[in-house]
């Protein structure tokens, strides 16, 4: 694979901004602008994968985010899944990881994808 420089990345980002208004759902795939947009998008994706990798969230981050999205307190979650509030805090702070049974309940109550909970 070609090593993309920061200058090339910046150019690709700027070019994408120019091309986006020219391409929409009805634009044929073989349209010159659509082809160029696809190519420069690939450059941006490759550069960002290398220089700005996105790590998978930890179990504690998943629980904390899901609690916030559900507008639920640790105490409410503890009651829902049958563990103590301090145990929920242990999961959020990373002092402990949930058992498989508890992880299953967390996924169900907080609408977390099981694959995310397993780190897949």
PDB file of N, CA and C in Angstrom:
ATOM      1  N   UNK A   1       0.837  -1.185   0.000  1.00  0.00           N
ATOM      2  CA  UNK A   1       0.000   0.000   0.000  1.00  0.00           C
ATOM      3  C   UNK A   1       0.884   1.251   0.000  1.00  0.00           C
ATOM      4  N   UNK A   2       0.418   2.265  -0.637  1.00  0.00           N
ATOM      5  CA  UNK A   2       1.142   3.528  -0.738  1.00  0.00           C
ATOM      6  C   UNK A   2       1.050   4.271   0.598  1.00  0.00           C
ATOM      7  N   UNK A   3       2.183   4.836   1.025  1.00  0.00           N
ATOM      8  CA  UNK A   3       2.195   5.628   2.246  1.00  0.00           C
ATOM      9  C   UNK A   3       1.700   7.034   1.905  1.00  0.00           C
ATOM     10  N   UNK A   4       0.609   7.435   2.514  1.00  0.00           N
ATOM     11  CA  UNK A   4      -0.025   8.711   2.213  1.00  0.00           C
ATOM     12  C   UNK A   4       0.537   9.778   3.152  1.00  0.00           C
ATOM     13  N   UNK A   5       0.949  10.889   2.570  1.00  0.00           N
ATOM     14  CA  UNK A   5       1.497  11.972   3.381  1.00  0.00           C
ATOM     15  C   UNK A   5       0.376  12.834   3.946  1.00  0.00           C
ATOM     16  N   UNK A   6       0.718  13.640   4.926  1.00  0.00           N
ATOM     17  CA  UNK A   6      -0.256  14.551   5.521  1.00  0.00           C
ATOM     18  C   UNK A   6      -0.756  15.552   4.470  1.00  0.00           C
ATOM     19  N   UNK A   7       0.131  15.988   3.591  1.00  0.00           N
ATOM     20  CA  UNK A   7      -0.253  16.931   2.532  1.00  0.00           C
ATOM     21  C   UNK A   7      -1.289  16.297   1.599  1.00  0.00           C
ATOM     22  N   UNK A   8      -1.052  15.046   1.223  1.00  0.00           N
ATOM     23  CA  UNK A   8      -2.005  14.338   0.363  1.00  0.00           C
ATOM     24  C   UNK A   8      -3.348  14.146   1.071  1.00  0.00           C
ATOM     25  N   UNK A   9      -3.283  13.833   2.347  1.00  0.00           N
ATOM     26  CA  UNK A   9      -4.496  13.663   3.151  1.00  0.00           C
ATOM     27  C   UNK A   9      -5.293  14.965   3.183  1.00  0.00           C
ATOM     28  N   UNK A  10      -4.624  16.069   3.470  1.00  0.00           N
ATOM     29  CA  UNK A  10      -5.298  17.372   3.530  1.00  0.00           C
ATOM     30  C   UNK A  10      -5.912  17.720   2.179  1.00  0.00           C
ATOM     31  N   UNK A  11      -5.185  17.443   1.092  1.00  0.00           N
ATOM     32  CA  UNK A  11      -5.710  17.697  -0.243  1.00  0.00           C
ATOM     33  C   UNK A  11      -6.970  16.847  -0.479  1.00  0.00           C
ATOM     34  N   UNK A  12      -6.908  15.574  -0.112  1.00  0.00           N
ATOM     35  CA  UNK A  12      -8.048  14.676  -0.309  1.00  0.00           C
ATOM     36  C   UNK A  12      -9.268  15.160   0.468  1.00  0.00           C
ATOM     37  N   UNK A  13      -9.051  15.622   1.701  1.00  0.00           N
ATOM     38  CA  UNK A  13     -10.170  16.146   2.494  1.00  0.00           C
ATOM     39  C   UNK A  13     -10.812  17.348   1.797  1.00  0.00           C
ATOM     40  N   UNK A  14      -9.975  18.262   1.324  1.00  0.00           N
ATOM     41  CA  UNK A  14     -10.491  19.444   0.643  1.00  0.00           C
ATOM     42  C   UNK A  14     -11.233  19.061  -0.639  1.00  0.00           C
ATOM     43  N   UNK A  15     -10.681  18.092  -1.361  1.00  0.00           N
ATOM     44  CA  UNK A  15     -11.315  17.668  -2.617  1.00  0.00           C
ATOM     45  C   UNK A  15     -12.669  17.008  -2.358  1.00  0.00           C
ATOM     46  N   UNK A  16     -12.761  16.245  -1.278  1.00  0.00           N
ATOM     47  CA  UNK A  16     -14.042  15.626  -0.912  1.00  0.00           C
ATOM     48  C   UNK A  16     -15.094  16.705  -0.697  1.00  0.00           C
ATOM     49  N   UNK A  17     -14.723  17.766   0.024  1.00  0.00           N
ATOM     50  CA  UNK A  17     -15.665  18.868   0.268  1.00  0.00           C
ATOM     51  C   UNK A  17     -16.142  19.490  -1.047  1.00  0.00           C
ATOM     52  N   UNK A  18     -15.274  19.576  -2.034  1.00  0.00           N
ATOM     53  CA  UNK A  18     -15.643  20.122  -3.337  1.00  0.00           C
ATOM     54  C   UNK A  18     -16.542  19.169  -4.121  1.00  0.00           C
ATOM     55  N   UNK A  19     -16.295  17.872  -3.972  1.00  0.00           N
ATOM     56  CA  UNK A  19     -17.034  16.881  -4.760  1.00  0.00           C
ATOM     57  C   UNK A  19     -18.402  16.515  -4.168  1.00  0.00           C
ATOM     58  N   UNK A  20     -18.538  16.592  -2.873  1.00  0.00           N
ATOM     59  CA  UNK A  20     -19.789  16.168  -2.234  1.00  0.00           C
ATOM     60  C   UNK A  20     -21.036  16.847  -2.807  1.00  0.00           C
ATOM     61  N   UNK A  21     -21.016  18.151  -3.061  1.00  0.00           N
ATOM     62  CA  UNK A  21     -22.224  18.766  -3.635  1.00  0.00           C
ATOM     63  C   UNK A  21     -22.521  18.313  -5.070  1.00  0.00           C
ATOM     64  N   UNK A  22     -21.534  17.734  -5.733  1.00  0.00           N
ATOM     65  CA  UNK A  22     -21.696  17.338  -7.128  1.00  0.00           C
ATOM     66  C   UNK A  22     -22.171  15.896  -7.305  1.00  0.00           C
ATOM     67  N   UNK A  23     -22.172  15.144  -6.217  1.00  0.00           N
ATOM     68  CA  UNK A  23     -22.524  13.721  -6.283  1.00  0.00           C
ATOM     69  C   UNK A  23     -23.651  13.437  -5.296  1.00  0.00           C
ATOM     70  N   UNK A  24     -24.672  12.750  -5.770  1.00  0.00           N
ATOM     71  CA  UNK A  24     -25.751  12.329  -4.876  1.00  0.00           C
ATOM     72  C   UNK A  24     -26.186  10.912  -5.223  1.00  0.00           C
ATOM     73  N   UNK A  25     -27.248  10.465  -4.608  1.00  0.00           N
ATOM     74  CA  UNK A  25     -27.726   9.084  -4.800  1.00  0.00           C
ATOM     75  C   UNK A  25     -28.019   8.751  -6.260  1.00  0.00           C
ATOM     76  N   UNK A  26     -28.426   9.749  -7.022  1.00  0.00           N
ATOM     77  CA  UNK A  26     -28.809   9.482  -8.420  1.00  0.00           C
ATOM     78  C   UNK A  26     -27.627   9.580  -9.397  1.00  0.00           C
ATOM     79  N   UNK A  27     -26.459   9.964  -8.904  1.00  0.00           N
ATOM     80  CA  UNK A  27     -25.284  10.066  -9.766  1.00  0.00           C
ATOM     81  C   UNK A  27     -24.819   8.669 -10.171  1.00  0.00           C
ATOM     82  N   UNK A  28     -24.632   8.433 -11.465  1.00  0.00           N
ATOM     83  CA  UNK A  28     -24.161   7.114 -11.897  1.00  0.00           C
ATOM     84  C   UNK A  28     -22.776   6.796 -11.306  1.00  0.00           C
ATOM     85  N   UNK A  29     -22.544   5.537 -11.014  1.00  0.00           N
ATOM     86  CA  UNK A  29     -21.281   5.112 -10.409  1.00  0.00           C
ATOM     87  C   UNK A  29     -20.089   5.396 -11.313  1.00  0.00           C
ATOM     88  N   UNK A  30     -20.314   5.461 -12.633  1.00  0.00           N
ATOM     89  CA  UNK A  30     -19.203   5.714 -13.555  1.00  0.00           C
ATOM     90  C   UNK A  30     -19.035   7.202 -13.878  1.00  0.00           C
ATOM     91  N   UNK A  31     -19.784   8.060 -13.218  1.00  0.00           N
ATOM     92  CA  UNK A  31     -19.634   9.501 -13.378  1.00  0.00           C
ATOM     93  C   UNK A  31     -18.245   9.915 -12.892  1.00  0.00           C
ATOM     94  N   UNK A  32     -17.605  10.808 -13.605  1.00  0.00           N
ATOM     95  CA  UNK A  32     -16.240  11.239 -13.292  1.00  0.00           C
ATOM     96  C   UNK A  32     -16.110  11.725 -11.847  1.00  0.00           C
ATOM     97  N   UNK A  33     -17.048  12.542 -11.397  1.00  0.00           N
ATOM     98  CA  UNK A  33     -17.002  13.075 -10.035  1.00  0.00           C
ATOM     99  C   UNK A  33     -17.222  11.973  -8.994  1.00  0.00           C
ATOM    100  N   UNK A  34     -18.110  11.034  -9.302  1.00  0.00           N
ATOM    101  CA  UNK A  34     -18.372   9.929  -8.374  1.00  0.00           C
ATOM    102  C   UNK A  34     -17.138   9.036  -8.242  1.00  0.00           C
ATOM    103  N   UNK A  35     -16.468   8.782  -9.346  1.00  0.00           N
ATOM    104  CA  UNK A  35     -15.257   7.960  -9.320  1.00  0.00           C
ATOM    105  C   UNK A  35     -14.168   8.661  -8.521  1.00  0.00           C
ATOM    106  N   UNK A  36     -13.979   9.942  -8.781  1.00  0.00           N
ATOM    107  CA  UNK A  36     -12.954  10.688  -8.043  1.00  0.00           C
ATOM    108  C   UNK A  36     -13.286  10.744  -6.557  1.00  0.00           C
ATOM    109  N   UNK A  37     -14.548  10.954  -6.233  1.00  0.00           N
ATOM    110  CA  UNK A  37     -14.950  10.985  -4.823  1.00  0.00           C
ATOM    111  C   UNK A  37     -14.636   9.666  -4.141  1.00  0.00           C
ATOM    112  N   UNK A  38     -14.895   8.586  -4.822  1.00  0.00           N
ATOM    113  CA  UNK A  38     -14.596   7.269  -4.270  1.00  0.00           C
ATOM    114  C   UNK A  38     -13.100   7.097  -4.023  1.00  0.00           C
ATOM    115  N   UNK A  39     -12.292   7.511  -4.975  1.00  0.00           N
ATOM    116  CA  UNK A  39     -10.840   7.369  -4.859  1.00  0.00           C
ATOM    117  C   UNK A  39     -10.262   8.232  -3.735  1.00  0.00           C
ATOM    118  N   UNK A  40     -10.668   9.495  -3.671  1.00  0.00           N
ATOM    119  CA  UNK A  40     -10.110  10.349  -2.616  1.00  0.00           C
ATOM    120  C   UNK A  40     -10.642   9.943  -1.248  1.00  0.00           C
ATOM    121  N   UNK A  41     -11.849   9.390  -1.211  1.00  0.00           N
ATOM    122  CA  UNK A  41     -12.374   8.868   0.056  1.00  0.00           C
ATOM    123  C   UNK A  41     -11.527   7.695   0.542  1.00  0.00           C
ATOM    124  N   UNK A  42     -11.102   6.850  -0.389  1.00  0.00           N
ATOM    125  CA  UNK A  42     -10.228   5.730  -0.032  1.00  0.00           C
ATOM    126  C   UNK A  42      -8.904   6.227   0.544  1.00  0.00           C
ATOM    127  N   UNK A  43      -8.372   7.313  -0.007  1.00  0.00           N
ATOM    128  CA  UNK A  43      -7.129   7.897   0.504  1.00  0.00           C
ATOM    129  C   UNK A  43      -7.330   8.361   1.945  1.00  0.00           C
ATOM    130  N   UNK A  44      -8.428   9.055   2.192  1.00  0.00           N
ATOM    131  CA  UNK A  44      -8.718   9.557   3.543  1.00  0.00           C
ATOM    132  C   UNK A  44      -8.895   8.403   4.519  1.00  0.00           C
ATOM    133  N   UNK A  45      -9.637   7.398   4.114  1.00  0.00           N
ATOM    134  CA  UNK A  45      -9.872   6.240   4.987  1.00  0.00           C
ATOM    135  C   UNK A  45      -8.557   5.551   5.329  1.00  0.00           C
ATOM    136  N   UNK A  46      -7.720   5.328   4.340  1.00  0.00           N
ATOM    137  CA  UNK A  46      -6.437   4.658   4.581  1.00  0.00           C
ATOM    138  C   UNK A  46      -5.563   5.472   5.532  1.00  0.00           C
ATOM    139  N   UNK A  47      -5.499   6.777   5.324  1.00  0.00           N
ATOM    140  CA  UNK A  47      -4.679   7.635   6.180  1.00  0.00           C
ATOM    141  C   UNK A  47      -5.208   7.625   7.615  1.00  0.00           C
ATOM    142  N   UNK A  48      -6.527   7.752   7.766  1.00  0.00           N
ATOM    143  CA  UNK A  48      -7.108   7.812   9.107  1.00  0.00           C
ATOM    144  C   UNK A  48      -6.988   6.487   9.851  1.00  0.00           C
ATOM    145  N   UNK A  49      -7.083   5.371   9.141  1.00  0.00           N
ATOM    146  CA  UNK A  49      -6.890   4.072   9.790  1.00  0.00           C
ATOM    147  C   UNK A  49      -5.490   3.956  10.375  1.00  0.00           C
ATOM    148  N   UNK A  50      -4.521   4.489   9.646  1.00  0.00           N
ATOM    149  CA  UNK A  50      -3.133   4.398  10.093  1.00  0.00           C
ATOM    150  C   UNK A  50      -2.819   5.416  11.191  1.00  0.00           C
ATOM    151  N   UNK A  51      -3.272   6.645  11.021  1.00  0.00           N
ATOM    152  CA  UNK A  51      -2.868   7.722  11.916  1.00  0.00           C
ATOM    153  C   UNK A  51      -3.865   8.044  13.032  1.00  0.00           C
ATOM    154  N   UNK A  52      -5.108   7.650  12.875  1.00  0.00           N
ATOM    155  CA  UNK A  52      -6.130   7.922  13.888  1.00  0.00           C
ATOM    156  C   UNK A  52      -6.962   6.667  14.152  1.00  0.00           C
ATOM    157  N   UNK A  53      -6.308   5.581  14.558  1.00  0.00           N
ATOM    158  CA  UNK A  53      -7.084   4.344  14.769  1.00  0.00           C
ATOM    159  C   UNK A  53      -8.099   4.526  15.896  1.00  0.00           C
ATOM    160  N   UNK A  54      -9.233   3.922  15.709  1.00  0.00           N
ATOM    161  CA  UNK A  54     -10.286   3.976  16.724  1.00  0.00           C
ATOM    162  C   UNK A  54     -10.262   2.648  17.474  1.00  0.00           C
ATOM    163  N   UNK A  55      -9.940   2.740  18.736  1.00  0.00           N
ATOM    164  CA  UNK A  55      -9.894   1.530  19.548  1.00  0.00           C
ATOM    165  C   UNK A  55     -11.293   1.142  19.994  1.00  0.00           C
ATOM    166  N   UNK A  56     -11.475  -0.131  20.185  1.00  0.00           N
ATOM    167  CA  UNK A  56     -12.763  -0.614  20.668  1.00  0.00           C
ATOM    168  C   UNK A  56     -12.948  -0.157  22.110  1.00  0.00           C
ATOM    169  N   UNK A  57     -14.182   0.226  22.463  1.00  0.00           N
ATOM    170  CA  UNK A  57     -14.413   0.679  23.832  1.00  0.00           C
ATOM    171  C   UNK A  57     -14.271  -0.466  24.826  1.00  0.00           C
ATOM    172  N   UNK A  58     -13.856  -0.122  26.026  1.00  0.00           N
ATOM    173  CA  UNK A  58     -13.763  -1.118  27.090  1.00  0.00           C
ATOM    174  C   UNK A  58     -15.164  -1.414  27.612  1.00  0.00           C
ATOM    175  N   UNK A  59     -15.275  -2.474  28.382  1.00  0.00           N
ATOM    176  CA  UNK A  59     -16.563  -2.818  28.992  1.00  0.00           C
ATOM    177  C   UNK A  59     -17.049  -1.659  29.853  1.00  0.00           C
ATOM    178  N   UNK A  60     -16.140  -1.076  30.630  1.00  0.00           N
ATOM    179  CA  UNK A  60     -16.539   0.031  31.499  1.00  0.00           C
ATOM    180  C   UNK A  60     -17.051   1.215  30.671  1.00  0.00           C
ATOM    181  N   UNK A  61     -16.402   1.513  29.559  1.00  0.00           N
ATOM    182  CA  UNK A  61     -16.860   2.608  28.701  1.00  0.00           C
ATOM    183  C   UNK A  61     -18.221   2.308  28.084  1.00  0.00           C
ATOM    184  N   UNK A  62     -18.421   1.056  27.670  1.00  0.00           N
ATOM    185  CA  UNK A  62     -19.713   0.659  27.111  1.00  0.00           C
ATOM    186  C   UNK A  62     -20.832   0.856  28.124  1.00  0.00           C
ATOM    187  N   UNK A  63     -20.595   0.397  29.345  1.00  0.00           N
ATOM    188  CA  UNK A  63     -21.624   0.509  30.380  1.00  0.00           C
ATOM    189  C   UNK A  63     -21.900   1.969  30.704  1.00  0.00           C
ATOM    190  N   UNK A  64     -20.832   2.735  30.869  1.00  0.00           N
ATOM    191  CA  UNK A  64     -21.004   4.148  31.224  1.00  0.00           C
ATOM    192  C   UNK A  64     -21.770   4.906  30.141  1.00  0.00           C
ATOM    193  N   UNK A  65     -21.419   4.699  28.886  1.00  0.00           N
ATOM    194  CA  UNK A  65     -22.102   5.367  27.790  1.00  0.00           C
ATOM    195  C   UNK A  65     -23.562   4.925  27.692  1.00  0.00           C
ATOM    196  N   UNK A  66     -23.790   3.625  27.819  1.00  0.00           N
ATOM    197  CA  UNK A  66     -25.157   3.108  27.725  1.00  0.00           C
ATOM    198  C   UNK A  66     -26.025   3.627  28.872  1.00  0.00           C
ATOM    199  N   UNK A  67     -25.448   3.739  30.055  1.00  0.00           N
ATOM    200  CA  UNK A  67     -26.189   4.317  31.192  1.00  0.00           C
ATOM    201  C   UNK A  67     -26.609   5.746  30.871  1.00  0.00           C
ATOM    202  N   UNK A  68     -25.678   6.501  30.330  1.00  0.00           N
ATOM    203  CA  UNK A  68     -25.972   7.895  29.990  1.00  0.00           C
ATOM    204  C   UNK A  68     -27.054   7.971  28.921  1.00  0.00           C
ATOM    205  N   UNK A  69     -26.937   7.144  27.894  1.00  0.00           N
ATOM    206  CA  UNK A  69     -27.924   7.153  26.820  1.00  0.00           C
ATOM    207  C   UNK A  69     -29.306   6.730  27.308  1.00  0.00           C
ATOM    208  N   UNK A  70     -29.330   5.811  28.277  1.00  0.00           N
ATOM    209  CA  UNK A  70     -30.600   5.340  28.827  1.00  0.00           C
ATOM    210  C   UNK A  70     -31.135   6.269  29.916  1.00  0.00           C
ATOM    211  N   UNK A  71     -30.342   7.286  30.241  1.00  0.00           N
ATOM    212  CA  UNK A  71     -30.708   8.208  31.312  1.00  0.00           C
ATOM    213  C   UNK A  71     -31.034   7.438  32.591  1.00  0.00           C
ATOM    214  N   UNK A  72     -30.145   6.515  32.924  1.00  0.00           N
ATOM    215  CA  UNK A  72     -30.338   5.610  34.051  1.00  0.00           C
ATOM    216  C   UNK A  72     -29.187   5.791  35.042  1.00  0.00           C
ATOM    217  N   UNK A  73     -29.485   5.651  36.312  1.00  0.00           N
ATOM    218  CA  UNK A  73     -28.433   5.738  37.328  1.00  0.00           C
ATOM    219  C   UNK A  73     -27.837   4.356  37.560  1.00  0.00           C
ATOM    220  N   UNK A  74     -26.676   4.353  38.197  1.00  0.00           N
ATOM    221  CA  UNK A  74     -26.043   3.084  38.558  1.00  0.00           C
ATOM    222  C   UNK A  74     -26.955   2.292  39.494  1.00  0.00           C
ATOM    223  N   UNK A  75     -27.615   2.988  40.382  1.00  0.00           N
ATOM    224  CA  UNK A  75     -28.514   2.335  41.334  1.00  0.00           C
ATOM    225  C   UNK A  75     -29.691   1.677  40.611  1.00  0.00           C
ATOM    226  N   UNK A  76     -30.255   2.375  39.625  1.00  0.00           N
ATOM    227  CA  UNK A  76     -31.360   1.806  38.844  1.00  0.00           C
ATOM    228  C   UNK A  76     -30.902   0.572  38.068  1.00  0.00           C
ATOM    229  N   UNK A  77     -29.723   0.671  37.468  1.00  0.00           N
ATOM    230  CA  UNK A  77     -29.185  -0.468  36.720  1.00  0.00           C
ATOM    231  C   UNK A  77     -28.959  -1.654  37.642  1.00  0.00           C
ATOM    232  N   UNK A  78     -28.383  -1.389  38.793  1.00  0.00           N
ATOM    233  CA  UNK A  78     -28.129  -2.463  39.761  1.00  0.00           C
ATOM    234  C   UNK A  78     -29.421  -3.180  40.110  1.00  0.00           C
ATOM    235  N   UNK A  79     -30.473  -2.414  40.342  1.00  0.00           N
ATOM    236  CA  UNK A  79     -31.775  -2.999  40.677  1.00  0.00           C
ATOM    237  C   UNK A  79     -32.317  -3.830  39.515  1.00  0.00           C
ATOM    238  N   UNK A  80     -32.141  -3.337  38.302  1.00  0.00           N
ATOM    239  CA  UNK A  80     -32.643  -4.039  37.107  1.00  0.00           C
ATOM    240  C   UNK A  80     -31.974  -5.396  36.890  1.00  0.00           C
ATOM    241  N   UNK A  81     -30.681  -5.475  37.177  1.00  0.00           N
ATOM    242  CA  UNK A  81     -29.974  -6.716  36.873  1.00  0.00           C
ATOM    243  C   UNK A  81     -29.652  -7.555  38.115  1.00  0.00           C
ATOM    244  N   UNK A  82     -30.028  -7.056  39.277  1.00  0.00           N
ATOM    245  CA  UNK A  82     -29.890  -7.854  40.493  1.00  0.00           C
ATOM    246  C   UNK A  82     -28.489  -7.912  41.096  1.00  0.00           C
ATOM    247  N   UNK A  83     -27.749  -6.814  41.000  1.00  0.00           N
ATOM    248  CA  UNK A  83     -26.447  -6.727  41.666  1.00  0.00           C
ATOM    249  C   UNK A  83     -26.443  -5.453  42.512  1.00  0.00           C
ATOM    250  N   UNK A  84     -25.432  -5.296  43.332  1.00  0.00           N
ATOM    251  CA  UNK A  84     -25.353  -4.108  44.180  1.00  0.00           C
ATOM    252  C   UNK A  84     -24.879  -2.902  43.370  1.00  0.00           C
ATOM    253  N   UNK A  85     -25.269  -1.694  43.793  1.00  0.00           N
ATOM    254  CA  UNK A  85     -24.777  -0.492  43.122  1.00  0.00           C
ATOM    255  C   UNK A  85     -23.250  -0.399  43.151  1.00  0.00           C
ATOM    256  N   UNK A  86     -22.633  -0.883  44.225  1.00  0.00           N
ATOM    257  CA  UNK A  86     -21.169  -0.829  44.289  1.00  0.00           C
ATOM    258  C   UNK A  86     -20.546  -1.755  43.240  1.00  0.00           C
ATOM    259  N   UNK A  87     -21.241  -2.835  42.911  1.00  0.00           N
ATOM    260  CA  UNK A  87     -20.730  -3.753  41.884  1.00  0.00           C
ATOM    261  C   UNK A  87     -20.780  -3.076  40.511  1.00  0.00           C
ATOM    262  N   UNK A  88     -21.857  -2.336  40.257  1.00  0.00           N
ATOM    263  CA  UNK A  88     -21.956  -1.577  39.004  1.00  0.00           C
ATOM    264  C   UNK A  88     -20.798  -0.586  38.931  1.00  0.00           C
ATOM    265  N   UNK A  89     -20.527   0.081  40.044  1.00  0.00           N
ATOM    266  CA  UNK A  89     -19.414   1.025  40.088  1.00  0.00           C
ATOM    267  C   UNK A  89     -18.089   0.324  39.810  1.00  0.00           C
ATOM    268  N   UNK A  90     -17.938  -0.896  40.320  1.00  0.00           N
ATOM    269  CA  UNK A  90     -16.725  -1.674  40.044  1.00  0.00           C
ATOM    270  C   UNK A  90     -16.568  -1.927  38.546  1.00  0.00           C
ATOM    271  N   UNK A  91     -17.673  -2.215  37.865  1.00  0.00           N
ATOM    272  CA  UNK A  91     -17.626  -2.452  36.420  1.00  0.00           C
ATOM    273  C   UNK A  91     -17.241  -1.171  35.682  1.00  0.00           C
ATOM    274  N   UNK A  92     -17.804  -0.048  36.093  1.00  0.00           N
ATOM    275  CA  UNK A  92     -17.557   1.220  35.421  1.00  0.00           C
ATOM    276  C   UNK A  92     -16.136   1.721  35.649  1.00  0.00           C
ATOM    277  N   UNK A  93     -15.609   1.495  36.835  1.00  0.00           N
ATOM    278  CA  UNK A  93     -14.249   1.955  37.122  1.00  0.00           C
ATOM    279  C   UNK A  93     -13.193   0.969  36.639  1.00  0.00           C
ATOM    280  N   UNK A  94     -13.625  -0.199  36.191  1.00  0.00           N
ATOM    281  CA  UNK A  94     -12.681  -1.188  35.693  1.00  0.00           C
ATOM    282  C   UNK A  94     -12.059  -2.056  36.769  1.00  0.00           C
ATOM    283  N   UNK A  95     -12.552  -1.951  38.002  1.00  0.00           N
ATOM    284  CA  UNK A  95     -12.026  -2.791  39.088  1.00  0.00           C
ATOM    285  C   UNK A  95     -12.491  -4.238  38.960  1.00  0.00           C
ATOM    286  N   UNK A  96     -13.579  -4.453  38.230  1.00  0.00           N
ATOM    287  CA  UNK A  96     -14.092  -5.814  38.046  1.00  0.00           C
ATOM    288  C   UNK A  96     -14.763  -5.900  36.678  1.00  0.00           C
ATOM    289  N   UNK A  97     -14.829  -7.117  36.157  1.00  0.00           N
ATOM    290  CA  UNK A  97     -15.553  -7.366  34.921  1.00  0.00           C
ATOM    291  C   UNK A  97     -16.762  -8.233  35.241  1.00  0.00           C
ATOM    292  N   UNK A  98     -17.860  -7.989  34.554  1.00  0.00           N
ATOM    293  CA  UNK A  98     -19.069  -8.770  34.829  1.00  0.00           C
ATOM    294  C   UNK A  98     -18.918 -10.234  34.417  1.00  0.00           C
ATOM    295  N   UNK A  99     -19.613 -11.089  35.145  1.00  0.00           N
ATOM    296  CA  UNK A  99     -19.680 -12.495  34.748  1.00  0.00           C
ATOM    297  C   UNK A  99     -20.471 -12.577  33.450  1.00  0.00           C
ATOM    298  N   UNK A 100     -20.448 -13.710  32.812  1.00  0.00           N
ATOM    299  CA  UNK A 100     -21.190 -13.886  31.568  1.00  0.00           C
ATOM    300  C   UNK A 100     -22.684 -13.634  31.777  1.00  0.00           C
ATOM    301  N   UNK A 101     -23.213 -14.126  32.897  1.00  0.00           N
ATOM    302  CA  UNK A 101     -24.637 -13.941  33.207  1.00  0.00           C
ATOM    303  C   UNK A 101     -24.957 -12.455  33.384  1.00  0.00           C
ATOM    304  N   UNK A 102     -24.115 -11.748  34.116  1.00  0.00           N
ATOM    305  CA  UNK A 102     -24.335 -10.320  34.332  1.00  0.00           C
ATOM    306  C   UNK A 102     -24.151  -9.559  33.020  1.00  0.00           C
ATOM    307  N   UNK A 103     -23.150  -9.937  32.236  1.00  0.00           N
ATOM    308  CA  UNK A 103     -22.920  -9.278  30.944  1.00  0.00           C
ATOM    309  C   UNK A 103     -24.142  -9.424  30.048  1.00  0.00           C
ATOM    310  N   UNK A 104     -24.754 -10.591  30.069  1.00  0.00           N
ATOM    311  CA  UNK A 104     -25.964 -10.823  29.280  1.00  0.00           C
ATOM    312  C   UNK A 104     -27.084  -9.887  29.728  1.00  0.00           C
ATOM    313  N   UNK A 105     -27.236  -9.737  31.029  1.00  0.00           N
ATOM    314  CA  UNK A 105     -28.257  -8.833  31.565  1.00  0.00           C
ATOM    315  C   UNK A 105     -27.951  -7.383  31.209  1.00  0.00           C
ATOM    316  N   UNK A 106     -26.676  -7.006  31.298  1.00  0.00           N
ATOM    317  CA  UNK A 106     -26.285  -5.642  30.937  1.00  0.00           C
ATOM    318  C   UNK A 106     -26.632  -5.352  29.478  1.00  0.00           C
ATOM    319  N   UNK A 107     -26.337  -6.304  28.618  1.00  0.00           N
ATOM    320  CA  UNK A 107     -26.644  -6.139  27.197  1.00  0.00           C
ATOM    321  C   UNK A 107     -28.133  -5.946  26.972  1.00  0.00           C
ATOM    322  N   UNK A 108     -28.919  -6.735  27.660  1.00  0.00           N
ATOM    323  CA  UNK A 108     -30.371  -6.681  27.488  1.00  0.00           C
ATOM    324  C   UNK A 108     -30.938  -5.369  28.016  1.00  0.00           C
ATOM    325  N   UNK A 109     -30.566  -5.004  29.232  1.00  0.00           N
ATOM    326  CA  UNK A 109     -31.125  -3.814  29.874  1.00  0.00           C
ATOM    327  C   UNK A 109     -30.633  -2.527  29.210  1.00  0.00           C
ATOM    328  N   UNK A 110     -29.362  -2.509  28.814  1.00  0.00           N
ATOM    329  CA  UNK A 110     -28.771  -1.284  28.270  1.00  0.00           C
ATOM    330  C   UNK A 110     -28.714  -1.260  26.744  1.00  0.00           C
ATOM    331  N   UNK A 111     -29.265  -2.274  26.102  1.00  0.00           N
ATOM    332  CA  UNK A 111     -29.257  -2.371  24.638  1.00  0.00           C
ATOM    333  C   UNK A 111     -27.840  -2.291  24.069  1.00  0.00           C
ATOM    334  N   UNK A 112     -26.927  -3.034  24.681  1.00  0.00           N
ATOM    335  CA  UNK A 112     -25.551  -3.137  24.204  1.00  0.00           C
ATOM    336  C   UNK A 112     -25.459  -4.399  23.355  1.00  0.00           C
ATOM    337  N   UNK A 113     -24.825  -4.289  22.206  1.00  0.00           N
ATOM    338  CA  UNK A 113     -24.632  -5.463  21.365  1.00  0.00           C
ATOM    339  C   UNK A 113     -23.716  -6.446  22.069  1.00  0.00           C
ATOM    340  N   UNK A 114     -24.090  -7.725  22.186  1.00  0.00           N
ATOM    341  CA  UNK A 114     -23.227  -8.705  22.834  1.00  0.00           C
ATOM    342  C   UNK A 114     -21.815  -8.764  22.245  1.00  0.00           C
ATOM    343  N   UNK A 115     -21.702  -8.591  20.944  1.00  0.00           N
ATOM    344  CA  UNK A 115     -20.365  -8.631  20.327  1.00  0.00           C
ATOM    345  C   UNK A 115     -19.497  -7.485  20.849  1.00  0.00           C
ATOM    346  N   UNK A 116     -20.093  -6.329  21.111  1.00  0.00           N
ATOM    347  CA  UNK A 116     -19.335  -5.204  21.658  1.00  0.00           C
ATOM    348  C   UNK A 116     -18.891  -5.530  23.082  1.00  0.00           C
ATOM    349  N   UNK A 117     -19.764  -6.140  23.848  1.00  0.00           N
ATOM    350  CA  UNK A 117     -19.433  -6.502  25.229  1.00  0.00           C
ATOM    351  C   UNK A 117     -18.282  -7.516  25.256  1.00  0.00           C
ATOM    352  N   UNK A 118     -18.236  -8.374  24.240  1.00  0.00           N
ATOM    353  CA  UNK A 118     -17.177  -9.377  24.156  1.00  0.00           C
ATOM    354  C   UNK A 118     -15.917  -8.832  23.509  1.00  0.00           C
ATOM    355  N   UNK A 119     -15.963  -7.578  23.062  1.00  0.00           N
ATOM    356  CA  UNK A 119     -14.777  -6.975  22.453  1.00  0.00           C
ATOM    357  C   UNK A 119     -14.524  -7.394  21.024  1.00  0.00           C
ATOM    358  N   UNK A 120     -15.567  -7.853  20.347  1.00  0.00           N
ATOM    359  CA  UNK A 120     -15.414  -8.307  18.948  1.00  0.00           C
ATOM    360  C   UNK A 120     -15.666  -7.170  17.979  1.00  0.00           C
TER     361      UNK A 120
END
